[in-house]
């Protein structure tokens, strides 16, 4: 398994730095364009919220990107967080194909 050394960029940071600032747009203005509440978008921008499938579709439409782009950013953050929050997952032993006996 490949270990991510540094924390990936949160989608909220991308929205803030690559879209809001260059467009000179406020969170309220973008929330209106996306047709979501200001609170929902603010949580995402401030890295306290996540990109849902619905939000990925809205962002992709607004910024002419793919929903997968936004979902992948979120997935990378979630995996990094899970990998670094606990070591419990490392207790799982890898399975060997010889050990698997699938009966038909």
PDB file of N, CA and C in Angstrom:
ATOM      1  N   UNK A   1       0.841  -1.188   0.000  1.00  0.00           N
ATOM      2  CA  UNK A   1       0.000   0.000   0.000  1.00  0.00           C
ATOM      3  C   UNK A   1       0.880   1.243   0.000  1.00  0.00           C
ATOM      4  N   UNK A   2       0.533   2.183  -0.822  1.00  0.00           N
ATOM      5  CA  UNK A   2       1.268   3.431  -0.937  1.00  0.00           C
ATOM      6  C   UNK A   2       0.814   4.380   0.171  1.00  0.00           C
ATOM      7  N   UNK A   3       1.758   4.900   0.942  1.00  0.00           N
ATOM      8  CA  UNK A   3       1.433   5.819   2.035  1.00  0.00           C
ATOM      9  C   UNK A   3       1.597   7.263   1.560  1.00  0.00           C
ATOM     10  N   UNK A   4       0.546   8.057   1.786  1.00  0.00           N
ATOM     11  CA  UNK A   4       0.616   9.477   1.457  1.00  0.00           C
ATOM     12  C   UNK A   4       1.366  10.184   2.573  1.00  0.00           C
ATOM     13  N   UNK A   5       2.448  10.835   2.231  1.00  0.00           N
ATOM     14  CA  UNK A   5       3.284  11.474   3.250  1.00  0.00           C
ATOM     15  C   UNK A   5       2.696  12.797   3.736  1.00  0.00           C
ATOM     16  N   UNK A   6       2.234  13.606   2.834  1.00  0.00           N
ATOM     17  CA  UNK A   6       1.695  14.899   3.253  1.00  0.00           C
ATOM     18  C   UNK A   6       0.173  14.901   3.113  1.00  0.00           C
ATOM     19  N   UNK A   7      -0.439  15.739   3.889  1.00  0.00           N
ATOM     20  CA  UNK A   7      -1.894  15.853   3.869  1.00  0.00           C
ATOM     21  C   UNK A   7      -2.339  16.408   2.520  1.00  0.00           C
ATOM     22  N   UNK A   8      -3.268  15.739   1.838  1.00  0.00           N
ATOM     23  CA  UNK A   8      -3.765  16.251   0.554  1.00  0.00           C
ATOM     24  C   UNK A   8      -4.566  17.533   0.753  1.00  0.00           C
ATOM     25  N   UNK A   9      -4.654  18.314  -0.302  1.00  0.00           N
ATOM     26  CA  UNK A   9      -5.449  19.530  -0.239  1.00  0.00           C
ATOM     27  C   UNK A   9      -6.924  19.181  -0.107  1.00  0.00           C
ATOM     28  N   UNK A  10      -7.577  19.870   0.792  1.00  0.00           N
ATOM     29  CA  UNK A  10      -9.014  19.700   0.982  1.00  0.00           C
ATOM     30  C   UNK A  10      -9.733  20.402  -0.173  1.00  0.00           C
ATOM     31  N   UNK A  11     -10.857  19.851  -0.650  1.00  0.00           N
ATOM     32  CA  UNK A  11     -11.593  20.506  -1.735  1.00  0.00           C
ATOM     33  C   UNK A  11     -11.989  21.947  -1.404  1.00  0.00           C
ATOM     34  N   UNK A  12     -12.254  22.228  -0.129  1.00  0.00           N
ATOM     35  CA  UNK A  12     -12.613  23.592   0.274  1.00  0.00           C
ATOM     36  C   UNK A  12     -11.497  24.580   0.009  1.00  0.00           C
ATOM     37  N   UNK A  13     -10.264  24.151   0.212  1.00  0.00           N
ATOM     38  CA  UNK A  13      -9.118  25.021  -0.047  1.00  0.00           C
ATOM     39  C   UNK A  13      -9.000  25.305  -1.542  1.00  0.00           C
ATOM     40  N   UNK A  14      -9.247  24.295  -2.364  1.00  0.00           N
ATOM     41  CA  UNK A  14      -9.219  24.466  -3.820  1.00  0.00           C
ATOM     42  C   UNK A  14     -10.288  25.477  -4.244  1.00  0.00           C
ATOM     43  N   UNK A  15     -11.476  25.319  -3.706  1.00  0.00           N
ATOM     44  CA  UNK A  15     -12.570  26.246  -4.046  1.00  0.00           C
ATOM     45  C   UNK A  15     -12.180  27.672  -3.659  1.00  0.00           C
ATOM     46  N   UNK A  16     -11.659  27.821  -2.462  1.00  0.00           N
ATOM     47  CA  UNK A  16     -11.295  29.148  -1.954  1.00  0.00           C
ATOM     48  C   UNK A  16     -10.183  29.786  -2.783  1.00  0.00           C
ATOM     49  N   UNK A  17      -9.081  29.042  -2.970  1.00  0.00           N
ATOM     50  CA  UNK A  17      -7.896  29.616  -3.618  1.00  0.00           C
ATOM     51  C   UNK A  17      -8.005  29.700  -5.139  1.00  0.00           C
ATOM     52  N   UNK A  18      -8.616  28.692  -5.759  1.00  0.00           N
ATOM     53  CA  UNK A  18      -8.631  28.637  -7.221  1.00  0.00           C
ATOM     54  C   UNK A  18      -9.904  29.190  -7.859  1.00  0.00           C
ATOM     55  N   UNK A  19     -10.933  29.406  -7.062  1.00  0.00           N
ATOM     56  CA  UNK A  19     -12.190  29.889  -7.635  1.00  0.00           C
ATOM     57  C   UNK A  19     -12.693  31.164  -6.962  1.00  0.00           C
ATOM     58  N   UNK A  20     -12.914  31.130  -5.651  1.00  0.00           N
ATOM     59  CA  UNK A  20     -13.466  32.315  -4.980  1.00  0.00           C
ATOM     60  C   UNK A  20     -12.573  33.536  -5.123  1.00  0.00           C
ATOM     61  N   UNK A  21     -11.291  33.380  -4.785  1.00  0.00           N
ATOM     62  CA  UNK A  21     -10.384  34.535  -4.842  1.00  0.00           C
ATOM     63  C   UNK A  21     -10.237  35.085  -6.256  1.00  0.00           C
ATOM     64  N   UNK A  22      -9.897  34.248  -7.264  1.00  0.00           N
ATOM     65  CA  UNK A  22      -9.745  34.789  -8.616  1.00  0.00           C
ATOM     66  C   UNK A  22     -11.029  35.414  -9.176  1.00  0.00           C
ATOM     67  N   UNK A  23     -12.181  34.857  -8.796  1.00  0.00           N
ATOM     68  CA  UNK A  23     -13.454  35.390  -9.272  1.00  0.00           C
ATOM     69  C   UNK A  23     -13.948  36.552  -8.420  1.00  0.00           C
ATOM     70  N   UNK A  24     -13.200  36.866  -7.351  1.00  0.00           N
ATOM     71  CA  UNK A  24     -13.599  37.922  -6.423  1.00  0.00           C
ATOM     72  C   UNK A  24     -15.043  37.707  -5.953  1.00  0.00           C
ATOM     73  N   UNK A  25     -15.294  36.460  -5.540  1.00  0.00           N
ATOM     74  CA  UNK A  25     -16.639  36.056  -5.161  1.00  0.00           C
ATOM     75  C   UNK A  25     -16.690  35.738  -3.673  1.00  0.00           C
ATOM     76  N   UNK A  26     -17.820  35.975  -3.064  1.00  0.00           N
ATOM     77  CA  UNK A  26     -18.007  35.661  -1.645  1.00  0.00           C
ATOM     78  C   UNK A  26     -18.605  34.257  -1.494  1.00  0.00           C
ATOM     79  N   UNK A  27     -18.535  33.753  -0.286  1.00  0.00           N
ATOM     80  CA  UNK A  27     -19.171  32.465   0.002  1.00  0.00           C
ATOM     81  C   UNK A  27     -20.671  32.573  -0.242  1.00  0.00           C
ATOM     82  N   UNK A  28     -21.259  33.680   0.167  1.00  0.00           N
ATOM     83  CA  UNK A  28     -22.691  33.888  -0.037  1.00  0.00           C
ATOM     84  C   UNK A  28     -23.041  33.878  -1.518  1.00  0.00           C
ATOM     85  N   UNK A  29     -22.216  34.552  -2.331  1.00  0.00           N
ATOM     86  CA  UNK A  29     -22.458  34.594  -3.777  1.00  0.00           C
ATOM     87  C   UNK A  29     -22.358  33.223  -4.411  1.00  0.00           C
ATOM     88  N   UNK A  30     -21.332  32.466  -4.037  1.00  0.00           N
ATOM     89  CA  UNK A  30     -21.176  31.127  -4.608  1.00  0.00           C
ATOM     90  C   UNK A  30     -22.270  30.195  -4.108  1.00  0.00           C
ATOM     91  N   UNK A  31     -22.656  30.329  -2.845  1.00  0.00           N
ATOM     92  CA  UNK A  31     -23.743  29.502  -2.312  1.00  0.00           C
ATOM     93  C   UNK A  31     -25.018  29.732  -3.117  1.00  0.00           C
ATOM     94  N   UNK A  32     -25.245  30.967  -3.501  1.00  0.00           N
ATOM     95  CA  UNK A  32     -26.413  31.294  -4.307  1.00  0.00           C
ATOM     96  C   UNK A  32     -26.327  30.640  -5.690  1.00  0.00           C
ATOM     97  N   UNK A  33     -25.165  30.702  -6.304  1.00  0.00           N
ATOM     98  CA  UNK A  33     -24.962  30.075  -7.616  1.00  0.00           C
ATOM     99  C   UNK A  33     -25.170  28.560  -7.525  1.00  0.00           C
ATOM    100  N   UNK A  34     -24.642  27.958  -6.462  1.00  0.00           N
ATOM    101  CA  UNK A  34     -24.752  26.510  -6.284  1.00  0.00           C
ATOM    102  C   UNK A  34     -26.117  26.074  -5.767  1.00  0.00           C
ATOM    103  N   UNK A  35     -26.911  27.051  -5.317  1.00  0.00           N
ATOM    104  CA  UNK A  35     -28.221  26.786  -4.731  1.00  0.00           C
ATOM    105  C   UNK A  35     -28.114  25.891  -3.490  1.00  0.00           C
ATOM    106  N   UNK A  36     -27.157  26.257  -2.623  1.00  0.00           N
ATOM    107  CA  UNK A  36     -26.996  25.610  -1.324  1.00  0.00           C
ATOM    108  C   UNK A  36     -26.973  26.700  -0.263  1.00  0.00           C
ATOM    109  N   UNK A  37     -27.091  26.307   0.997  1.00  0.00           N
ATOM    110  CA  UNK A  37     -27.059  27.318   2.047  1.00  0.00           C
ATOM    111  C   UNK A  37     -25.638  27.846   2.238  1.00  0.00           C
ATOM    112  N   UNK A  38     -25.551  29.062   2.714  1.00  0.00           N
ATOM    113  CA  UNK A  38     -24.250  29.659   2.999  1.00  0.00           C
ATOM    114  C   UNK A  38     -23.505  28.824   4.036  1.00  0.00           C
ATOM    115  N   UNK A  39     -24.251  28.316   5.009  1.00  0.00           N
ATOM    116  CA  UNK A  39     -23.652  27.520   6.073  1.00  0.00           C
ATOM    117  C   UNK A  39     -23.015  26.244   5.511  1.00  0.00           C
ATOM    118  N   UNK A  40     -23.707  25.575   4.604  1.00  0.00           N
ATOM    119  CA  UNK A  40     -23.182  24.358   3.989  1.00  0.00           C
ATOM    120  C   UNK A  40     -21.888  24.639   3.248  1.00  0.00           C
ATOM    121  N   UNK A  41     -21.879  25.687   2.445  1.00  0.00           N
ATOM    122  CA  UNK A  41     -20.683  26.024   1.671  1.00  0.00           C
ATOM    123  C   UNK A  41     -19.566  26.517   2.583  1.00  0.00           C
ATOM    124  N   UNK A  42     -19.900  27.278   3.602  1.00  0.00           N
ATOM    125  CA  UNK A  42     -18.894  27.777   4.536  1.00  0.00           C
ATOM    126  C   UNK A  42     -18.179  26.623   5.234  1.00  0.00           C
ATOM    127  N   UNK A  43     -18.945  25.606   5.645  1.00  0.00           N
ATOM    128  CA  UNK A  43     -18.329  24.439   6.281  1.00  0.00           C
ATOM    129  C   UNK A  43     -17.340  23.775   5.329  1.00  0.00           C
ATOM    130  N   UNK A  44     -17.706  23.667   4.058  1.00  0.00           N
ATOM    131  CA  UNK A  44     -16.818  23.053   3.076  1.00  0.00           C
ATOM    132  C   UNK A  44     -15.568  23.903   2.853  1.00  0.00           C
ATOM    133  N   UNK A  45     -15.754  25.199   2.667  1.00  0.00           N
ATOM    134  CA  UNK A  45     -14.626  26.112   2.427  1.00  0.00           C
ATOM    135  C   UNK A  45     -13.660  26.116   3.605  1.00  0.00           C
ATOM    136  N   UNK A  46     -14.198  26.032   4.817  1.00  0.00           N
ATOM    137  CA  UNK A  46     -13.369  26.067   6.020  1.00  0.00           C
ATOM    138  C   UNK A  46     -12.924  24.673   6.476  1.00  0.00           C
ATOM    139  N   UNK A  47     -13.058  23.703   5.564  1.00  0.00           N
ATOM    140  CA  UNK A  47     -12.554  22.345   5.757  1.00  0.00           C
ATOM    141  C   UNK A  47     -13.194  21.612   6.931  1.00  0.00           C
ATOM    142  N   UNK A  48     -14.440  21.949   7.222  1.00  0.00           N
ATOM    143  CA  UNK A  48     -15.189  21.244   8.257  1.00  0.00           C
ATOM    144  C   UNK A  48     -16.311  20.411   7.649  1.00  0.00           C
ATOM    145  N   UNK A  49     -16.487  20.545   6.346  1.00  0.00           N
ATOM    146  CA  UNK A  49     -17.507  19.784   5.629  1.00  0.00           C
ATOM    147  C   UNK A  49     -16.868  18.948   4.543  1.00  0.00           C
ATOM    148  N   UNK A  50     -17.671  18.090   3.932  1.00  0.00           N
ATOM    149  CA  UNK A  50     -17.171  17.219   2.881  1.00  0.00           C
ATOM    150  C   UNK A  50     -17.976  17.405   1.598  1.00  0.00           C
ATOM    151  N   UNK A  51     -17.399  16.929   0.506  1.00  0.00           N
ATOM    152  CA  UNK A  51     -18.076  16.990  -0.789  1.00  0.00           C
ATOM    153  C   UNK A  51     -18.959  15.754  -0.933  1.00  0.00           C
ATOM    154  N   UNK A  52     -20.246  15.973  -0.981  1.00  0.00           N
ATOM    155  CA  UNK A  52     -21.211  14.896  -1.201  1.00  0.00           C
ATOM    156  C   UNK A  52     -21.346  14.683  -2.714  1.00  0.00           C
ATOM    157  N   UNK A  53     -21.990  13.593  -3.130  1.00  0.00           N
ATOM    158  CA  UNK A  53     -22.230  13.419  -4.569  1.00  0.00           C
ATOM    159  C   UNK A  53     -23.005  14.596  -5.169  1.00  0.00           C
ATOM    160  N   UNK A  54     -24.000  15.082  -4.453  1.00  0.00           N
ATOM    161  CA  UNK A  54     -24.780  16.222  -4.925  1.00  0.00           C
ATOM    162  C   UNK A  54     -23.904  17.473  -5.066  1.00  0.00           C
ATOM    163  N   UNK A  55     -23.060  17.724  -4.072  1.00  0.00           N
ATOM    164  CA  UNK A  55     -22.178  18.894  -4.130  1.00  0.00           C
ATOM    165  C   UNK A  55     -21.166  18.745  -5.262  1.00  0.00           C
ATOM    166  N   UNK A  56     -20.667  17.540  -5.473  1.00  0.00           N
ATOM    167  CA  UNK A  56     -19.719  17.305  -6.577  1.00  0.00           C
ATOM    168  C   UNK A  56     -20.364  17.650  -7.911  1.00  0.00           C
ATOM    169  N   UNK A  57     -21.626  17.285  -8.076  1.00  0.00           N
ATOM    170  CA  UNK A  57     -22.341  17.622  -9.311  1.00  0.00           C
ATOM    171  C   UNK A  57     -22.526  19.131  -9.452  1.00  0.00           C
ATOM    172  N   UNK A  58     -22.878  19.801  -8.359  1.00  0.00           N
ATOM    173  CA  UNK A  58     -23.072  21.258  -8.403  1.00  0.00           C
ATOM    174  C   UNK A  58     -21.768  21.983  -8.720  1.00  0.00           C
ATOM    175  N   UNK A  59     -20.685  21.575  -8.052  1.00  0.00           N
ATOM    176  CA  UNK A  59     -19.384  22.219  -8.289  1.00  0.00           C
ATOM    177  C   UNK A  59     -18.908  21.972  -9.715  1.00  0.00           C
ATOM    178  N   UNK A  60     -19.103  20.751 -10.200  1.00  0.00           N
ATOM    179  CA  UNK A  60     -18.658  20.446 -11.563  1.00  0.00           C
ATOM    180  C   UNK A  60     -19.417  21.275 -12.587  1.00  0.00           C
ATOM    181  N   UNK A  61     -20.683  21.492 -12.340  1.00  0.00           N
ATOM    182  CA  UNK A  61     -21.502  22.309 -13.256  1.00  0.00           C
ATOM    183  C   UNK A  61     -21.069  23.765 -13.212  1.00  0.00           C
ATOM    184  N   UNK A  62     -20.867  24.288 -12.021  1.00  0.00           N
ATOM    185  CA  UNK A  62     -20.507  25.697 -11.858  1.00  0.00           C
ATOM    186  C   UNK A  62     -19.119  26.008 -12.414  1.00  0.00           C
ATOM    187  N   UNK A  63     -18.168  25.088 -12.209  1.00  0.00           N
ATOM    188  CA  UNK A  63     -16.779  25.371 -12.574  1.00  0.00           C
ATOM    189  C   UNK A  63     -16.314  24.630 -13.820  1.00  0.00           C
ATOM    190  N   UNK A  64     -17.236  23.980 -14.522  1.00  0.00           N
ATOM    191  CA  UNK A  64     -16.920  23.253 -15.749  1.00  0.00           C
ATOM    192  C   UNK A  64     -15.794  22.236 -15.523  1.00  0.00           C
ATOM    193  N   UNK A  65     -15.961  21.441 -14.481  1.00  0.00           N
ATOM    194  CA  UNK A  65     -15.038  20.357 -14.163  1.00  0.00           C
ATOM    195  C   UNK A  65     -15.856  19.077 -14.125  1.00  0.00           C
ATOM    196  N   UNK A  66     -15.242  17.989 -13.730  1.00  0.00           N
ATOM    197  CA  UNK A  66     -15.992  16.740 -13.596  1.00  0.00           C
ATOM    198  C   UNK A  66     -16.360  16.524 -12.126  1.00  0.00           C
ATOM    199  N   UNK A  67     -17.461  15.833 -11.877  1.00  0.00           N
ATOM    200  CA  UNK A  67     -17.789  15.502 -10.488  1.00  0.00           C
ATOM    201  C   UNK A  67     -16.706  14.619  -9.872  1.00  0.00           C
ATOM    202  N   UNK A  68     -16.072  13.791 -10.690  1.00  0.00           N
ATOM    203  CA  UNK A  68     -15.014  12.910 -10.209  1.00  0.00           C
ATOM    204  C   UNK A  68     -13.831  13.700  -9.648  1.00  0.00           C
ATOM    205  N   UNK A  69     -13.550  14.851 -10.259  1.00  0.00           N
ATOM    206  CA  UNK A  69     -12.468  15.708  -9.760  1.00  0.00           C
ATOM    207  C   UNK A  69     -12.708  16.059  -8.296  1.00  0.00           C
ATOM    208  N   UNK A  70     -13.915  16.512  -7.962  1.00  0.00           N
ATOM    209  CA  UNK A  70     -14.249  16.928  -6.602  1.00  0.00           C
ATOM    210  C   UNK A  70     -14.319  15.730  -5.668  1.00  0.00           C
ATOM    211  N   UNK A  71     -14.865  14.635  -6.165  1.00  0.00           N
ATOM    212  CA  UNK A  71     -14.971  13.427  -5.352  1.00  0.00           C
ATOM    213  C   UNK A  71     -13.597  12.848  -5.047  1.00  0.00           C
ATOM    214  N   UNK A  72     -12.696  12.875  -6.013  1.00  0.00           N
ATOM    215  CA  UNK A  72     -11.338  12.366  -5.788  1.00  0.00           C
ATOM    216  C   UNK A  72     -10.574  13.212  -4.783  1.00  0.00           C
ATOM    217  N   UNK A  73     -10.745  14.520  -4.841  1.00  0.00           N
ATOM    218  CA  UNK A  73     -10.118  15.385  -3.836  1.00  0.00           C
ATOM    219  C   UNK A  73     -10.594  14.992  -2.443  1.00  0.00           C
ATOM    220  N   UNK A  74     -11.909  14.788  -2.308  1.00  0.00           N
ATOM    221  CA  UNK A  74     -12.483  14.422  -1.009  1.00  0.00           C
ATOM    222  C   UNK A  74     -12.006  13.041  -0.576  1.00  0.00           C
ATOM    223  N   UNK A  75     -11.992  12.098  -1.513  1.00  0.00           N
ATOM    224  CA  UNK A  75     -11.541  10.730  -1.205  1.00  0.00           C
ATOM    225  C   UNK A  75     -10.105  10.738  -0.682  1.00  0.00           C
ATOM    226  N   UNK A  76      -9.237  11.494  -1.328  1.00  0.00           N
ATOM    227  CA  UNK A  76      -7.837  11.560  -0.894  1.00  0.00           C
ATOM    228  C   UNK A  76      -7.723  12.109   0.527  1.00  0.00           C
ATOM    229  N   UNK A  77      -8.493  13.132   0.837  1.00  0.00           N
ATOM    230  CA  UNK A  77      -8.489  13.695   2.199  1.00  0.00           C
ATOM    231  C   UNK A  77      -9.010  12.678   3.211  1.00  0.00           C
ATOM    232  N   UNK A  78     -10.094  12.013   2.872  1.00  0.00           N
ATOM    233  CA  UNK A  78     -10.696  11.037   3.785  1.00  0.00           C
ATOM    234  C   UNK A  78      -9.750   9.876   4.052  1.00  0.00           C
ATOM    235  N   UNK A  79      -9.104   9.366   3.010  1.00  0.00           N
ATOM    236  CA  UNK A  79      -8.172   8.255   3.194  1.00  0.00           C
ATOM    237  C   UNK A  79      -6.970   8.666   4.032  1.00  0.00           C
ATOM    238  N   UNK A  80      -6.433   9.844   3.772  1.00  0.00           N
ATOM    239  CA  UNK A  80      -5.287  10.321   4.543  1.00  0.00           C
ATOM    240  C   UNK A  80      -5.660  10.449   6.014  1.00  0.00           C
ATOM    241  N   UNK A  81      -6.827  11.023   6.254  1.00  0.00           N
ATOM    242  CA  UNK A  81      -7.293  11.210   7.632  1.00  0.00           C
ATOM    243  C   UNK A  81      -7.469   9.866   8.337  1.00  0.00           C
ATOM    244  N   UNK A  82      -8.087   8.900   7.658  1.00  0.00           N
ATOM    245  CA  UNK A  82      -8.301   7.581   8.257  1.00  0.00           C
ATOM    246  C   UNK A  82      -6.974   6.876   8.514  1.00  0.00           C
ATOM    247  N   UNK A  83      -6.062   6.988   7.580  1.00  0.00           N
ATOM    248  CA  UNK A  83      -4.760   6.327   7.725  1.00  0.00           C
ATOM    249  C   UNK A  83      -3.969   6.901   8.888  1.00  0.00           C
ATOM    250  N   UNK A  84      -4.115   8.182   9.148  1.00  0.00           N
ATOM    251  CA  UNK A  84      -3.333   8.843  10.182  1.00  0.00           C
ATOM    252  C   UNK A  84      -4.050   8.979  11.520  1.00  0.00           C
ATOM    253  N   UNK A  85      -5.348   8.700  11.563  1.00  0.00           N
ATOM    254  CA  UNK A  85      -6.109   8.851  12.795  1.00  0.00           C
ATOM    255  C   UNK A  85      -5.917   7.655  13.727  1.00  0.00           C
ATOM    256  N   UNK A  86      -5.687   6.490  13.158  1.00  0.00           N
ATOM    257  CA  UNK A  86      -5.597   5.274  13.953  1.00  0.00           C
ATOM    258  C   UNK A  86      -4.697   4.274  13.239  1.00  0.00           C
ATOM    259  N   UNK A  87      -4.148   3.380  14.001  1.00  0.00           N
ATOM    260  CA  UNK A  87      -3.328   2.308  13.424  1.00  0.00           C
ATOM    261  C   UNK A  87      -4.059   0.966  13.498  1.00  0.00           C
ATOM    262  N   UNK A  88      -5.320   0.990  13.907  1.00  0.00           N
ATOM    263  CA  UNK A  88      -6.104  -0.245  14.050  1.00  0.00           C
ATOM    264  C   UNK A  88      -6.174  -1.014  12.736  1.00  0.00           C
ATOM    265  N   UNK A  89      -6.264  -0.316  11.633  1.00  0.00           N
ATOM    266  CA  UNK A  89      -6.385  -0.973  10.334  1.00  0.00           C
ATOM    267  C   UNK A  89      -5.151  -1.810  10.004  1.00  0.00           C
ATOM    268  N   UNK A  90      -4.011  -1.502  10.645  1.00  0.00           N
ATOM    269  CA  UNK A  90      -2.781  -2.249  10.370  1.00  0.00           C
ATOM    270  C   UNK A  90      -2.783  -3.638  11.019  1.00  0.00           C
ATOM    271  N   UNK A  91      -3.739  -3.892  11.911  1.00  0.00           N
ATOM    272  CA  UNK A  91      -3.851  -5.200  12.546  1.00  0.00           C
ATOM    273  C   UNK A  91      -4.439  -6.253  11.606  1.00  0.00           C
ATOM    274  N   UNK A  92      -5.054  -5.806  10.519  1.00  0.00           N
ATOM    275  CA  UNK A  92      -5.658  -6.736   9.565  1.00  0.00           C
ATOM    276  C   UNK A  92      -4.554  -7.456   8.815  1.00  0.00           C
ATOM    277  N   UNK A  93      -4.637  -8.780   8.820  1.00  0.00           N
ATOM    278  CA  UNK A  93      -3.635  -9.608   8.149  1.00  0.00           C
ATOM    279  C   UNK A  93      -4.006  -9.756   6.673  1.00  0.00           C
ATOM    280  N   UNK A  94      -3.032  -9.599   5.775  1.00  0.00           N
ATOM    281  CA  UNK A  94      -3.312  -9.801   4.347  1.00  0.00           C
ATOM    282  C   UNK A  94      -3.722 -11.249   4.081  1.00  0.00           C
ATOM    283  N   UNK A  95      -4.681 -11.425   3.194  1.00  0.00           N
ATOM    284  CA  UNK A  95      -5.138 -12.765   2.829  1.00  0.00           C
ATOM    285  C   UNK A  95      -4.308 -13.282   1.664  1.00  0.00           C
ATOM    286  N   UNK A  96      -4.051 -14.560   1.709  1.00  0.00           N
ATOM    287  CA  UNK A  96      -3.332 -15.226   0.634  1.00  0.00           C
ATOM    288  C   UNK A  96      -4.345 -15.995  -0.199  1.00  0.00           C
ATOM    289  N   UNK A  97      -4.213 -15.999  -1.525  1.00  0.00           N
ATOM    290  CA  UNK A  97      -5.162 -16.754  -2.356  1.00  0.00           C
ATOM    291  C   UNK A  97      -5.229 -18.236  -1.967  1.00  0.00           C
ATOM    292  N   UNK A  98      -4.123 -18.809  -1.467  1.00  0.00           N
ATOM    293  CA  UNK A  98      -4.115 -20.215  -1.061  1.00  0.00           C
ATOM    294  C   UNK A  98      -5.014 -20.453   0.155  1.00  0.00           C
ATOM    295  N   UNK A  99      -5.242 -19.416   0.949  1.00  0.00           N
ATOM    296  CA  UNK A  99      -6.048 -19.565   2.158  1.00  0.00           C
ATOM    297  C   UNK A  99      -7.554 -19.472   1.879  1.00  0.00           C
ATOM    298  N   UNK A 100      -7.878 -18.946   0.727  1.00  0.00           N
ATOM    299  CA  UNK A 100      -9.291 -18.763   0.392  1.00  0.00           C
ATOM    300  C   UNK A 100      -9.834 -20.049  -0.233  1.00  0.00           C
ATOM    301  N   UNK A 101     -10.856 -20.603   0.372  1.00  0.00           N
ATOM    302  CA  UNK A 101     -11.489 -21.807  -0.162  1.00  0.00           C
ATOM    303  C   UNK A 101     -12.938 -21.453  -0.451  1.00  0.00           C
ATOM    304  N   UNK A 102     -13.165 -21.049  -1.674  1.00  0.00           N
ATOM    305  CA  UNK A 102     -14.520 -20.663  -2.070  1.00  0.00           C
ATOM    306  C   UNK A 102     -15.214 -21.897  -2.629  1.00  0.00           C
ATOM    307  N   UNK A 103     -16.269 -22.277  -1.970  1.00  0.00           N
ATOM    308  CA  UNK A 103     -17.018 -23.465  -2.417  1.00  0.00           C
ATOM    309  C   UNK A 103     -18.094 -23.053  -3.396  1.00  0.00           C
ATOM    310  N   UNK A 104     -18.195 -23.796  -4.465  1.00  0.00           N
ATOM    311  CA  UNK A 104     -19.192 -23.499  -5.489  1.00  0.00           C
ATOM    312  C   UNK A 104     -20.483 -24.184  -5.192  1.00  0.00           C
TER     313      UNK A 104
END
